[in-house]
Amino acid sequence: MKEILQYLFNHQTLSKAEAKSIMIEIANSKFNENEVTSFVTVFLMRSITLDELEGFSSALLQLAQPVNLGTDDLVDIVGTGGDGKDTFNISTLASLVVAGAGQKVAKQGNYGASSVSGASNVLENLGYKFKNNEEDLKNDLKKANFCFLHAPVFHTALRSVAPLRKNLGLKTFFNLLGPLINPARPKYSMIGVANPEIGRIYQYLLQNRNANFMIVNSLDGYDEISLTSDTKIIDKHGEKIYSAEDLHFKNIDAEEIFGGKTQQAASDIFVKILEGKGSEAQNSVVLANAALALQNTGKHGRYTDCLEMAKDSLFGKKALKTLQSLID
């Protein structure tokens, strides 16, 4: 590792093959915690390259526990996290709304590393039991159109770096890998990024994979459609900037989508929205993300059609029933 670090400290970057090899060695605990911390720190001081991101994600997909859910008609809605905005769990709620609308979702998530409550925190707090085998996941998918893959269960290679990430409490390149390493390999992905530069790297990588993707970035730094500003949306057809009005909503203030200071507060907000007691701002953000995720599949019509589906799912309590069927 000493030679690798010296190479990187001299402003060099890794090839795809080098990045893949190093990630596999990290996963196999070849290096001590101080060495890995130093390695991670390099990428806090500069942006990751396309080759590095491809190499790291390729290694983790290779090492992951494989998952075959018997269908390729799957959606994942996920953000890189670490945007420092402390919103409620928008992508997880949007995922349940999409599932309630009839579209199958295979969401991967984890505990919050730099936030109060990640997807795994809120679902576990509400009574969801993490699954570790295909049959249980298939059963969830059959009864609820939704299954959840808790990342540490399927990416045992990352267990060695979990304490390091928690202790750092900062967004690291591992945040960027999460949306790329769902072992169910969903056909459709909606990925939120906190800045346009990372969005561009994702675009190149996903185009190379010939993926059905949508990358979203709120221009004021949210890794999701926040409606606090205009949103840049990138897909395989190009890119466009949308205002809140373009998405049939009003602009909202940042404090209206705050996620609370504790995991319990985050869970309370989560349930309140599903029960139809969310504020207009909270509902709007969830619906905008869900509608675009549905539109990205190309199966549910225009955006306005998808928005109506999302509203029916949320306000008709279909999304709530989806969650209830998973925890009963």
C-alpha atoms as a PDB file:
ATOM      1  CA  MET A   1       0.000   0.000   0.000  1.00  0.00           C
ATOM      2  CA  LYS A   2       2.906   2.359   0.662  1.00  0.00           C
ATOM      3  CA  GLU A   3       3.836   2.332  -3.042  1.00  0.00           C
ATOM      4  CA  ILE A   4       0.211   2.851  -4.070  1.00  0.00           C
ATOM      5  CA  LEU A   5      -0.188   5.819  -1.754  1.00  0.00           C
ATOM      6  CA  GLN A   6       3.041   7.416  -2.917  1.00  0.00           C
ATOM      7  CA  TYR A   7       1.898   6.997  -6.514  1.00  0.00           C
ATOM      8  CA  LEU A   8      -1.444   8.660  -5.742  1.00  0.00           C
ATOM      9  CA  PHE A   9       0.145  11.436  -3.663  1.00  0.00           C
ATOM     10  CA  ASN A  10       2.142  12.312  -6.785  1.00  0.00           C
ATOM     11  CA  HIS A  11      -1.151  13.246  -8.462  1.00  0.00           C
ATOM     12  CA  GLN A  12      -1.430  10.028 -10.449  1.00  0.00           C
ATOM     13  CA  THR A  13      -4.667   8.111 -11.031  1.00  0.00           C
ATOM     14  CA  LEU A  14      -5.458   4.400 -11.220  1.00  0.00           C
ATOM     15  CA  SER A  15      -6.366   2.389 -14.280  1.00  0.00           C
ATOM     16  CA  LYS A  16      -9.548   0.324 -14.195  1.00  0.00           C
ATOM     17  CA  ALA A  17      -7.516  -2.856 -13.647  1.00  0.00           C
ATOM     18  CA  GLU A  18      -5.448  -1.299 -10.856  1.00  0.00           C
ATOM     19  CA  ALA A  19      -8.538   0.032  -9.089  1.00  0.00           C
ATOM     20  CA  LYS A  20     -10.244  -3.360  -9.312  1.00  0.00           C
ATOM     21  CA  SER A  21      -7.179  -5.168  -7.948  1.00  0.00           C
ATOM     22  CA  ILE A  22      -6.770  -2.767  -5.025  1.00  0.00           C
ATOM     23  CA  MET A  23     -10.460  -2.990  -4.073  1.00  0.00           C
ATOM     24  CA  ILE A  24     -10.254  -6.777  -4.029  1.00  0.00           C
ATOM     25  CA  GLU A  25      -7.195  -6.564  -1.763  1.00  0.00           C
ATOM     26  CA  ILE A  26      -9.008  -4.137   0.562  1.00  0.00           C
ATOM     27  CA  ALA A  27     -11.962  -6.522   0.683  1.00  0.00           C
ATOM     28  CA  ASN A  28      -9.623  -9.377   1.590  1.00  0.00           C
ATOM     29  CA  SER A  29      -8.220  -7.305   4.495  1.00  0.00           C
ATOM     30  CA  LYS A  30      -4.736  -7.197   3.019  1.00  0.00           C
ATOM     31  CA  PHE A  31      -4.201  -3.691   4.383  1.00  0.00           C
ATOM     32  CA  ASN A  32      -4.567  -2.328   7.907  1.00  0.00           C
ATOM     33  CA  GLU A  33      -7.090   0.337   8.906  1.00  0.00           C
ATOM     34  CA  ASN A  34      -4.577   3.188   8.775  1.00  0.00           C
ATOM     35  CA  GLU A  35      -3.550   2.231   5.240  1.00  0.00           C
ATOM     36  CA  VAL A  36      -7.140   2.021   4.042  1.00  0.00           C
ATOM     37  CA  THR A  37      -7.995   5.333   5.736  1.00  0.00           C
ATOM     38  CA  SER A  38      -5.083   6.985   3.919  1.00  0.00           C
ATOM     39  CA  PHE A  39      -6.247   5.473   0.646  1.00  0.00           C
ATOM     40  CA  VAL A  40      -9.804   6.712   1.145  1.00  0.00           C
ATOM     41  CA  THR A  41      -8.500  10.159   2.090  1.00  0.00           C
ATOM     42  CA  VAL A  42      -6.901  10.559  -1.332  1.00  0.00           C
ATOM     43  CA  PHE A  43     -10.386  10.631  -2.853  1.00  0.00           C
ATOM     44  CA  LEU A  44     -11.576  13.207  -0.354  1.00  0.00           C
ATOM     45  CA  MET A  45      -8.960  15.556  -1.813  1.00  0.00           C
ATOM     46  CA  ARG A  46      -9.709  14.979  -5.496  1.00  0.00           C
ATOM     47  CA  SER A  47     -12.482  13.660  -7.704  1.00  0.00           C
ATOM     48  CA  ILE A  48     -12.625  10.005  -8.609  1.00  0.00           C
ATOM     49  CA  THR A  49     -11.988   9.178 -12.282  1.00  0.00           C
ATOM     50  CA  LEU A  50     -14.196   7.110 -14.566  1.00  0.00           C
ATOM     51  CA  ASP A  51     -11.611   4.301 -14.677  1.00  0.00           C
ATOM     52  CA  GLU A  52     -11.348   4.239 -10.895  1.00  0.00           C
ATOM     53  CA  LEU A  53     -15.102   4.157 -10.407  1.00  0.00           C
ATOM     54  CA  GLU A  54     -15.445   1.381 -12.987  1.00  0.00           C
ATOM     55  CA  GLY A  55     -12.669  -0.638 -11.394  1.00  0.00           C
ATOM     56  CA  PHE A  56     -13.955  -0.315  -7.830  1.00  0.00           C
ATOM     57  CA  SER A  57     -17.565  -1.126  -8.787  1.00  0.00           C
ATOM     58  CA  SER A  58     -16.501  -4.054 -10.969  1.00  0.00           C
ATOM     59  CA  ALA A  59     -14.595  -5.560  -8.045  1.00  0.00           C
ATOM     60  CA  LEU A  60     -17.506  -5.245  -5.636  1.00  0.00           C
ATOM     61  CA  LEU A  61     -20.014  -6.706  -8.091  1.00  0.00           C
ATOM     62  CA  GLN A  62     -17.650  -9.623  -8.645  1.00  0.00           C
ATOM     63  CA  LEU A  63     -17.341 -10.185  -4.879  1.00  0.00           C
ATOM     64  CA  ALA A  64     -21.044  -9.698  -4.099  1.00  0.00           C
ATOM     65  CA  GLN A  65     -23.401 -12.520  -3.227  1.00  0.00           C
ATOM     66  CA  PRO A  66     -25.276 -13.056  -6.513  1.00  0.00           C
ATOM     67  CA  VAL A  67     -29.029 -12.500  -6.560  1.00  0.00           C
ATOM     68  CA  ASN A  68     -31.446 -13.740  -9.215  1.00  0.00           C
ATOM     69  CA  LEU A  69     -34.995 -12.570  -8.563  1.00  0.00           C
ATOM     70  CA  GLY A  70     -36.452 -14.269 -11.604  1.00  0.00           C
ATOM     71  CA  THR A  71     -37.244 -11.055 -13.469  1.00  0.00           C
ATOM     72  CA  ASP A  72     -35.359  -8.192 -15.069  1.00  0.00           C
ATOM     73  CA  ASP A  73     -38.317  -5.821 -14.710  1.00  0.00           C
ATOM     74  CA  LEU A  74     -36.864  -4.123 -11.638  1.00  0.00           C
ATOM     75  CA  VAL A  75     -36.332  -0.513 -10.586  1.00  0.00           C
ATOM     76  CA  ASP A  76     -33.909   0.923  -8.049  1.00  0.00           C
ATOM     77  CA  ILE A  77     -34.171   4.490  -6.758  1.00  0.00           C
ATOM     78  CA  VAL A  78     -31.033   5.487  -4.920  1.00  0.00           C
ATOM     79  CA  GLY A  79     -28.876   8.486  -4.110  1.00  0.00           C
ATOM     80  CA  THR A  80     -25.170   8.642  -3.472  1.00  0.00           C
ATOM     81  CA  GLY A  81     -25.870  10.117  -0.031  1.00  0.00           C
ATOM     82  CA  GLY A  82     -23.483  12.364   1.791  1.00  0.00           C
ATOM     83  CA  ASP A  83     -24.969  15.576   0.392  1.00  0.00           C
ATOM     84  CA  GLY A  84     -25.156  17.014   3.909  1.00  0.00           C
ATOM     85  CA  LYS A  85     -28.748  18.158   3.435  1.00  0.00           C
ATOM     86  CA  ASP A  86     -30.334  15.959   6.145  1.00  0.00           C
ATOM     87  CA  THR A  87     -33.560  15.290   4.275  1.00  0.00           C
ATOM     88  CA  PHE A  88     -36.058  12.610   5.238  1.00  0.00           C
ATOM     89  CA  ASN A  89     -35.787   9.257   3.434  1.00  0.00           C
ATOM     90  CA  ILE A  90     -37.121  10.464   0.088  1.00  0.00           C
ATOM     91  CA  SER A  91     -35.798   7.713  -2.194  1.00  0.00           C
ATOM     92  CA  THR A  92     -37.068   4.928   0.082  1.00  0.00           C
ATOM     93  CA  LEU A  93     -40.527   6.489   0.250  1.00  0.00           C
ATOM     94  CA  ALA A  94     -40.519   7.016  -3.514  1.00  0.00           C
ATOM     95  CA  SER A  95     -39.587   3.341  -3.917  1.00  0.00           C
ATOM     96  CA  LEU A  96     -42.615   2.263  -1.891  1.00  0.00           C
ATOM     97  CA  VAL A  97     -44.837   4.586  -3.924  1.00  0.00           C
ATOM     98  CA  VAL A  98     -43.495   3.065  -7.152  1.00  0.00           C
ATOM     99  CA  ALA A  99     -44.099  -0.433  -5.784  1.00  0.00           C
ATOM    100  CA  GLY A 100     -47.619   0.562  -4.730  1.00  0.00           C
ATOM    101  CA  ALA A 101     -48.215   1.720  -8.297  1.00  0.00           C
ATOM    102  CA  GLY A 102     -47.494  -1.795  -9.534  1.00  0.00           C
ATOM    103  CA  GLN A 103     -43.858  -1.519 -10.634  1.00  0.00           C
ATOM    104  CA  LYS A 104     -41.430  -4.015  -9.103  1.00  0.00           C
ATOM    105  CA  VAL A 105     -38.623  -2.477  -7.039  1.00  0.00           C
ATOM    106  CA  ALA A 106     -35.372  -4.036  -5.843  1.00  0.00           C
ATOM    107  CA  LYS A 107     -33.873  -1.369  -3.628  1.00  0.00           C
ATOM    108  CA  GLN A 108     -30.413  -1.662  -2.170  1.00  0.00           C
ATOM    109  CA  GLY A 109     -29.596   0.402   0.899  1.00  0.00           C
ATOM    110  CA  ASN A 110     -27.450   0.708   3.968  1.00  0.00           C
ATOM    111  CA  TYR A 111     -27.212   2.325   7.359  1.00  0.00           C
ATOM    112  CA  GLY A 112     -26.452   6.037   7.266  1.00  0.00           C
ATOM    113  CA  ALA A 113     -22.702   6.683   7.340  1.00  0.00           C
ATOM    114  CA  SER A 114     -22.846  10.475   7.221  1.00  0.00           C
ATOM    115  CA  SER A 115     -26.563  10.992   7.893  1.00  0.00           C
ATOM    116  CA  VAL A 116     -28.868  10.332  10.831  1.00  0.00           C
ATOM    117  CA  SER A 117     -30.942   7.660   9.151  1.00  0.00           C
ATOM    118  CA  GLY A 118     -30.229   5.676   5.998  1.00  0.00           C
ATOM    119  CA  ALA A 119     -32.705   3.410   4.226  1.00  0.00           C
ATOM    120  CA  SER A 120     -31.667   0.429   6.344  1.00  0.00           C
ATOM    121  CA  ASN A 121     -32.086   2.401   9.570  1.00  0.00           C
ATOM    122  CA  VAL A 122     -35.626   3.517   8.850  1.00  0.00           C
ATOM    123  CA  LEU A 123     -36.883   0.172   7.523  1.00  0.00           C
ATOM    124  CA  GLU A 124     -35.312  -1.770  10.390  1.00  0.00           C
ATOM    125  CA  ASN A 125     -36.735   0.693  12.891  1.00  0.00           C
ATOM    126  CA  LEU A 126     -40.201   0.065  11.427  1.00  0.00           C
ATOM    127  CA  GLY A 127     -39.870  -3.689  11.832  1.00  0.00           C
ATOM    128  CA  TYR A 128     -38.583  -4.846   8.459  1.00  0.00           C
ATOM    129  CA  LYS A 129     -36.357  -7.939   8.679  1.00  0.00           C
ATOM    130  CA  PHE A 130     -33.386  -7.973   6.325  1.00  0.00           C
ATOM    131  CA  LYS A 131     -33.350 -10.957   3.976  1.00  0.00           C
ATOM    132  CA  ASN A 132     -30.253 -12.859   2.945  1.00  0.00           C
ATOM    133  CA  ASN A 133     -31.521 -15.294   0.327  1.00  0.00           C
ATOM    134  CA  GLU A 134     -33.256 -15.204  -3.026  1.00  0.00           C
ATOM    135  CA  GLU A 135     -36.427 -17.033  -2.021  1.00  0.00           C
ATOM    136  CA  ASP A 136     -37.314 -14.599   0.764  1.00  0.00           C
ATOM    137  CA  LEU A 137     -36.607 -11.667  -1.530  1.00  0.00           C
ATOM    138  CA  LYS A 138     -38.755 -13.214  -4.249  1.00  0.00           C
ATOM    139  CA  ASN A 139     -41.587 -13.656  -1.735  1.00  0.00           C
ATOM    140  CA  ASP A 140     -41.387  -9.985  -0.777  1.00  0.00           C
ATOM    141  CA  LEU A 141     -41.382  -9.039  -4.432  1.00  0.00           C
ATOM    142  CA  LYS A 142     -44.408 -11.245  -5.109  1.00  0.00           C
ATOM    143  CA  LYS A 143     -46.553  -9.925  -2.267  1.00  0.00           C
ATOM    144  CA  ALA A 144     -45.429  -6.297  -2.266  1.00  0.00           C
ATOM    145  CA  ASN A 145     -43.673  -5.508  -5.589  1.00  0.00           C
ATOM    146  CA  PHE A 146     -40.790  -4.476  -3.331  1.00  0.00           C
ATOM    147  CA  CYS A 147     -37.737  -6.127  -1.868  1.00  0.00           C
ATOM    148  CA  PHE A 148     -34.856  -4.585   0.035  1.00  0.00           C
ATOM    149  CA  LEU A 149     -31.243  -5.648  -0.172  1.00  0.00           C
ATOM    150  CA  HIS A 150     -29.341  -4.539   2.920  1.00  0.00           C
ATOM    151  CA  ALA A 151     -25.898  -3.906   1.424  1.00  0.00           C
ATOM    152  CA  PRO A 152     -23.764  -5.469   4.210  1.00  0.00           C
ATOM    153  CA  VAL A 153     -25.617  -8.777   3.771  1.00  0.00           C
ATOM    154  CA  PHE A 154     -24.752  -9.042   0.093  1.00  0.00           C
ATOM    155  CA  HIS A 155     -21.451  -7.173   0.131  1.00  0.00           C
ATOM    156  CA  THR A 156     -19.585  -8.919   2.916  1.00  0.00           C
ATOM    157  CA  ALA A 157     -16.429  -7.561   1.315  1.00  0.00           C
ATOM    158  CA  LEU A 158     -17.364  -4.125   2.670  1.00  0.00           C
ATOM    159  CA  ARG A 159     -17.716  -5.177   6.288  1.00  0.00           C
ATOM    160  CA  SER A 160     -14.074  -4.415   6.973  1.00  0.00           C
ATOM    161  CA  VAL A 161     -14.511  -0.759   5.940  1.00  0.00           C
ATOM    162  CA  ALA A 162     -17.872  -0.127   7.623  1.00  0.00           C
ATOM    163  CA  PRO A 163     -16.348   1.017  10.972  1.00  0.00           C
ATOM    164  CA  LEU A 164     -13.884   3.209   9.109  1.00  0.00           C
ATOM    165  CA  ARG A 165     -16.679   4.923   7.161  1.00  0.00           C
ATOM    166  CA  LYS A 166     -18.698   5.453  10.323  1.00  0.00           C
ATOM    167  CA  ASN A 167     -15.718   6.872  12.214  1.00  0.00           C
ATOM    168  CA  LEU A 168     -14.866   9.250   9.396  1.00  0.00           C
ATOM    169  CA  GLY A 169     -18.472  10.451   9.211  1.00  0.00           C
ATOM    170  CA  LEU A 170     -17.750  11.913   5.778  1.00  0.00           C
ATOM    171  CA  LYS A 171     -18.890  11.187   2.273  1.00  0.00           C
ATOM    172  CA  THR A 172     -16.294   8.881   0.677  1.00  0.00           C
ATOM    173  CA  PHE A 173     -16.017   7.205  -2.703  1.00  0.00           C
ATOM    174  CA  PHE A 174     -17.913   4.264  -1.195  1.00  0.00           C
ATOM    175  CA  ASN A 175     -21.016   6.468  -1.376  1.00  0.00           C
ATOM    176  CA  LEU A 176     -20.500   6.700  -5.120  1.00  0.00           C
ATOM    177  CA  LEU A 177     -20.200   2.937  -5.464  1.00  0.00           C
ATOM    178  CA  GLY A 178     -23.491   2.105  -3.748  1.00  0.00           C
ATOM    179  CA  PRO A 179     -25.817   2.920  -6.671  1.00  0.00           C
ATOM    180  CA  LEU A 180     -23.644   0.864  -9.045  1.00  0.00           C
ATOM    181  CA  ILE A 181     -23.391  -2.391  -7.128  1.00  0.00           C
ATOM    182  CA  ASN A 182     -26.961  -3.595  -6.560  1.00  0.00           C
ATOM    183  CA  PRO A 183     -26.470  -7.386  -6.845  1.00  0.00           C
ATOM    184  CA  ALA A 184     -29.998  -7.813  -8.260  1.00  0.00           C
ATOM    185  CA  ARG A 185     -28.786  -5.762 -11.237  1.00  0.00           C
ATOM    186  CA  PRO A 186     -32.109  -3.960 -11.823  1.00  0.00           C
ATOM    187  CA  LYS A 187     -32.945  -3.074 -15.406  1.00  0.00           C
ATOM    188  CA  TYR A 188     -33.913   0.488 -14.516  1.00  0.00           C
ATOM    189  CA  SER A 189     -32.094   2.828 -12.159  1.00  0.00           C
ATOM    190  CA  MET A 190     -32.772   6.357 -10.979  1.00  0.00           C
ATOM    191  CA  ILE A 191     -29.635   7.684  -9.322  1.00  0.00           C
ATOM    192  CA  GLY A 192     -29.360  10.926  -7.398  1.00  0.00           C
ATOM    193  CA  VAL A 193     -26.027  12.757  -7.324  1.00  0.00           C
ATOM    194  CA  ALA A 194     -25.025  15.787  -5.312  1.00  0.00           C
ATOM    195  CA  ASN A 195     -22.999  17.510  -8.025  1.00  0.00           C
ATOM    196  CA  PRO A 196     -22.942  17.620 -11.847  1.00  0.00           C
ATOM    197  CA  GLU A 197     -19.348  16.389 -12.108  1.00  0.00           C
ATOM    198  CA  ILE A 198     -20.226  13.057 -10.511  1.00  0.00           C
ATOM    199  CA  GLY A 199     -23.347  12.941 -12.673  1.00  0.00           C
ATOM    200  CA  ARG A 200     -21.209  13.196 -15.783  1.00  0.00           C
ATOM    201  CA  ILE A 201     -18.974  10.302 -14.663  1.00  0.00           C
ATOM    202  CA  TYR A 202     -22.037   8.173 -13.921  1.00  0.00           C
ATOM    203  CA  GLN A 203     -23.418   9.040 -17.349  1.00  0.00           C
ATOM    204  CA  TYR A 204     -20.306   7.778 -19.143  1.00  0.00           C
ATOM    205  CA  LEU A 205     -20.134   4.625 -17.041  1.00  0.00           C
ATOM    206  CA  LEU A 206     -23.817   3.741 -17.414  1.00  0.00           C
ATOM    207  CA  GLN A 207     -23.756   4.450 -21.146  1.00  0.00           C
ATOM    208  CA  ASN A 208     -20.861   2.010 -21.405  1.00  0.00           C
ATOM    209  CA  ARG A 209     -23.011  -0.553 -19.594  1.00  0.00           C
ATOM    210  CA  ASN A 210     -25.897   0.186 -21.981  1.00  0.00           C
ATOM    211  CA  ALA A 211     -28.088   0.741 -18.921  1.00  0.00           C
ATOM    212  CA  ASN A 212     -31.584   2.222 -18.659  1.00  0.00           C
ATOM    213  CA  PHE A 213     -30.684   5.034 -16.308  1.00  0.00           C
ATOM    214  CA  MET A 214     -31.837   8.415 -15.097  1.00  0.00           C
ATOM    215  CA  ILE A 215     -29.435  10.625 -13.168  1.00  0.00           C
ATOM    216  CA  VAL A 216     -30.937  13.467 -11.131  1.00  0.00           C
ATOM    217  CA  ASN A 217     -29.215  16.405  -9.479  1.00  0.00           C
ATOM    218  CA  SER A 218     -30.871  19.359  -7.792  1.00  0.00           C
ATOM    219  CA  LEU A 219     -28.729  22.304  -8.753  1.00  0.00           C
ATOM    220  CA  ASP A 220     -28.414  23.470  -5.153  1.00  0.00           C
ATOM    221  CA  GLY A 221     -26.663  20.239  -4.173  1.00  0.00           C
ATOM    222  CA  TYR A 222     -29.277  17.607  -3.311  1.00  0.00           C
ATOM    223  CA  ASP A 223     -28.806  14.034  -4.527  1.00  0.00           C
ATOM    224  CA  GLU A 224     -32.477  13.766  -5.460  1.00  0.00           C
ATOM    225  CA  ILE A 225     -35.267  15.910  -6.838  1.00  0.00           C
ATOM    226  CA  SER A 226     -35.722  18.284  -3.926  1.00  0.00           C
ATOM    227  CA  LEU A 227     -37.930  20.969  -5.561  1.00  0.00           C
ATOM    228  CA  THR A 228     -35.815  23.523  -3.683  1.00  0.00           C
ATOM    229  CA  SER A 229     -34.249  24.522  -7.004  1.00  0.00           C
ATOM    230  CA  ASP A 230     -34.178  23.468 -10.626  1.00  0.00           C
ATOM    231  CA  THR A 231     -33.196  19.848 -11.333  1.00  0.00           C
ATOM    232  CA  LYS A 232     -30.815  18.515 -13.967  1.00  0.00           C
ATOM    233  CA  ILE A 233     -31.918  15.172 -15.382  1.00  0.00           C
ATOM    234  CA  ILE A 234     -29.590  13.054 -17.505  1.00  0.00           C
ATOM    235  CA  ASP A 235     -30.576   9.872 -19.307  1.00  0.00           C
ATOM    236  CA  LYS A 236     -29.362   7.968 -22.344  1.00  0.00           C
ATOM    237  CA  HIS A 237     -31.161  10.448 -24.600  1.00  0.00           C
ATOM    238  CA  GLY A 238     -29.370  13.518 -23.235  1.00  0.00           C
ATOM    239  CA  GLU A 239     -29.886  16.032 -20.469  1.00  0.00           C
ATOM    240  CA  LYS A 240     -32.367  18.743 -19.547  1.00  0.00           C
ATOM    241  CA  ILE A 241     -33.057  21.121 -16.680  1.00  0.00           C
ATOM    242  CA  TYR A 242     -36.523  21.122 -15.124  1.00  0.00           C
ATOM    243  CA  SER A 243     -38.091  23.656 -12.801  1.00  0.00           C
ATOM    244  CA  ALA A 244     -40.502  22.648 -10.065  1.00  0.00           C
ATOM    245  CA  GLU A 245     -43.291  23.988 -12.258  1.00  0.00           C
ATOM    246  CA  ASP A 246     -42.186  21.772 -15.141  1.00  0.00           C
ATOM    247  CA  LEU A 247     -42.758  18.831 -12.801  1.00  0.00           C
ATOM    248  CA  HIS A 248     -46.203  20.203 -11.791  1.00  0.00           C
ATOM    249  CA  PHE A 249     -45.167  21.359  -8.315  1.00  0.00           C
ATOM    250  CA  LYS A 250     -44.204  24.525  -6.459  1.00  0.00           C
ATOM    251  CA  ASN A 251     -40.737  25.402  -5.209  1.00  0.00           C
ATOM    252  CA  ILE A 252     -40.274  24.546  -1.551  1.00  0.00           C
ATOM    253  CA  ASP A 253     -37.927  25.633   1.237  1.00  0.00           C
ATOM    254  CA  ALA A 254     -35.135  23.393   2.499  1.00  0.00           C
ATOM    255  CA  GLU A 255     -36.491  23.220   6.048  1.00  0.00           C
ATOM    256  CA  GLU A 256     -39.723  21.696   4.731  1.00  0.00           C
ATOM    257  CA  ILE A 257     -37.930  18.449   3.832  1.00  0.00           C
ATOM    258  CA  PHE A 258     -35.707  18.178   6.909  1.00  0.00           C
ATOM    259  CA  GLY A 259     -35.477  14.604   8.132  1.00  0.00           C
ATOM    260  CA  GLY A 260     -35.249  15.093  11.889  1.00  0.00           C
ATOM    261  CA  LYS A 261     -32.360  14.842  14.336  1.00  0.00           C
ATOM    262  CA  THR A 262     -32.863  11.231  15.443  1.00  0.00           C
ATOM    263  CA  GLN A 263     -33.637   7.896  13.815  1.00  0.00           C
ATOM    264  CA  GLN A 264     -36.985   7.827  15.608  1.00  0.00           C
ATOM    265  CA  ALA A 265     -37.874  11.247  14.216  1.00  0.00           C
ATOM    266  CA  ALA A 266     -36.951  10.042  10.737  1.00  0.00           C
ATOM    267  CA  SER A 267     -39.173   6.975  11.136  1.00  0.00           C
ATOM    268  CA  ASP A 268     -42.057   9.096  12.407  1.00  0.00           C
ATOM    269  CA  ILE A 269     -41.863  11.362   9.350  1.00  0.00           C
ATOM    270  CA  PHE A 270     -41.673   8.304   7.098  1.00  0.00           C
ATOM    271  CA  VAL A 271     -44.866   6.749   8.476  1.00  0.00           C
ATOM    272  CA  LYS A 272     -46.697  10.060   8.660  1.00  0.00           C
ATOM    273  CA  ILE A 273     -46.199  10.605   4.923  1.00  0.00           C
ATOM    274  CA  LEU A 274     -47.342   7.066   4.056  1.00  0.00           C
ATOM    275  CA  GLU A 275     -50.435   7.535   6.201  1.00  0.00           C
ATOM    276  CA  GLY A 276     -51.439  10.574   4.152  1.00  0.00           C
ATOM    277  CA  LYS A 277     -50.517  13.052   6.875  1.00  0.00           C
ATOM    278  CA  GLY A 278     -47.457  14.520   5.195  1.00  0.00           C
ATOM    279  CA  SER A 279     -47.173  18.194   4.364  1.00  0.00           C
ATOM    280  CA  GLU A 280     -47.662  19.433   0.831  1.00  0.00           C
ATOM    281  CA  ALA A 281     -43.900  19.869   0.450  1.00  0.00           C
ATOM    282  CA  GLN A 282     -43.114  16.379   1.747  1.00  0.00           C
ATOM    283  CA  ASN A 283     -45.702  14.775  -0.506  1.00  0.00           C
ATOM    284  CA  SER A 284     -44.565  16.763  -3.523  1.00  0.00           C
ATOM    285  CA  VAL A 285     -40.930  15.673  -3.257  1.00  0.00           C
ATOM    286  CA  VAL A 286     -41.840  12.006  -2.879  1.00  0.00           C
ATOM    287  CA  LEU A 287     -44.285  12.154  -5.788  1.00  0.00           C
ATOM    288  CA  ALA A 288     -41.861  13.922  -8.140  1.00  0.00           C
ATOM    289  CA  ASN A 289     -39.165  11.303  -7.553  1.00  0.00           C
ATOM    290  CA  ALA A 290     -41.605   8.395  -7.850  1.00  0.00           C
ATOM    291  CA  ALA A 291     -43.189   9.728 -11.037  1.00  0.00           C
ATOM    292  CA  LEU A 292     -39.868  10.159 -12.799  1.00  0.00           C
ATOM    293  CA  ALA A 293     -38.737   6.690 -11.720  1.00  0.00           C
ATOM    294  CA  LEU A 294     -41.913   5.268 -13.258  1.00  0.00           C
ATOM    295  CA  GLN A 295     -41.432   7.308 -16.423  1.00  0.00           C
ATOM    296  CA  ASN A 296     -37.834   6.061 -16.746  1.00  0.00           C
ATOM    297  CA  THR A 297     -39.081   2.512 -17.356  1.00  0.00           C
ATOM    298  CA  GLY A 298     -40.819   3.638 -20.531  1.00  0.00           C
ATOM    299  CA  LYS A 299     -43.784   1.434 -19.662  1.00  0.00           C
ATOM    300  CA  HIS A 300     -46.182   3.764 -17.900  1.00  0.00           C
ATOM    301  CA  GLY A 301     -46.782   6.578 -20.349  1.00  0.00           C
ATOM    302  CA  ARG A 302     -45.917  10.240 -20.114  1.00  0.00           C
ATOM    303  CA  TYR A 303     -44.759  12.027 -16.977  1.00  0.00           C
ATOM    304  CA  THR A 304     -48.289  13.246 -16.243  1.00  0.00           C
ATOM    305  CA  ASP A 305     -49.589   9.659 -16.418  1.00  0.00           C
ATOM    306  CA  CYS A 306     -46.833   8.510 -14.062  1.00  0.00           C
ATOM    307  CA  LEU A 307     -47.568  11.348 -11.668  1.00  0.00           C
ATOM    308  CA  GLU A 308     -51.213  10.286 -11.458  1.00  0.00           C
ATOM    309  CA  MET A 309     -50.087   6.712 -10.750  1.00  0.00           C
ATOM    310  CA  ALA A 310     -47.813   7.957  -7.991  1.00  0.00           C
ATOM    311  CA  LYS A 311     -50.578  10.078  -6.443  1.00  0.00           C
ATOM    312  CA  ASP A 312     -52.970   7.130  -6.491  1.00  0.00           C
ATOM    313  CA  SER A 313     -50.352   4.970  -4.780  1.00  0.00           C
ATOM    314  CA  LEU A 314     -49.544   7.485  -2.043  1.00  0.00           C
ATOM    315  CA  PHE A 315     -52.965   9.009  -1.366  1.00  0.00           C
ATOM    316  CA  GLY A 316     -54.797   5.723  -1.965  1.00  0.00           C
ATOM    317  CA  LYS A 317     -52.612   4.175   0.772  1.00  0.00           C
ATOM    318  CA  LYS A 318     -51.208   1.583  -1.650  1.00  0.00           C
ATOM    319  CA  ALA A 319     -47.651   2.519  -0.676  1.00  0.00           C
ATOM    320  CA  LEU A 320     -48.581   2.167   3.007  1.00  0.00           C
ATOM    321  CA  LYS A 321     -50.068  -1.259   2.355  1.00  0.00           C
ATOM    322  CA  THR A 322     -46.848  -2.219   0.571  1.00  0.00           C
ATOM    323  CA  LEU A 323     -44.855  -1.442   3.710  1.00  0.00           C
ATOM    324  CA  GLN A 324     -47.382  -3.153   5.978  1.00  0.00           C
ATOM    325  CA  SER A 325     -47.277  -6.333   3.916  1.00  0.00           C
ATOM    326  CA  LEU A 326     -43.500  -6.407   4.320  1.00  0.00           C
ATOM    327  CA  ILE A 327     -43.466  -6.067   8.121  1.00  0.00           C
ATOM    328  CA  ASP A 328     -46.607  -7.978   9.126  1.00  0.00           C
END
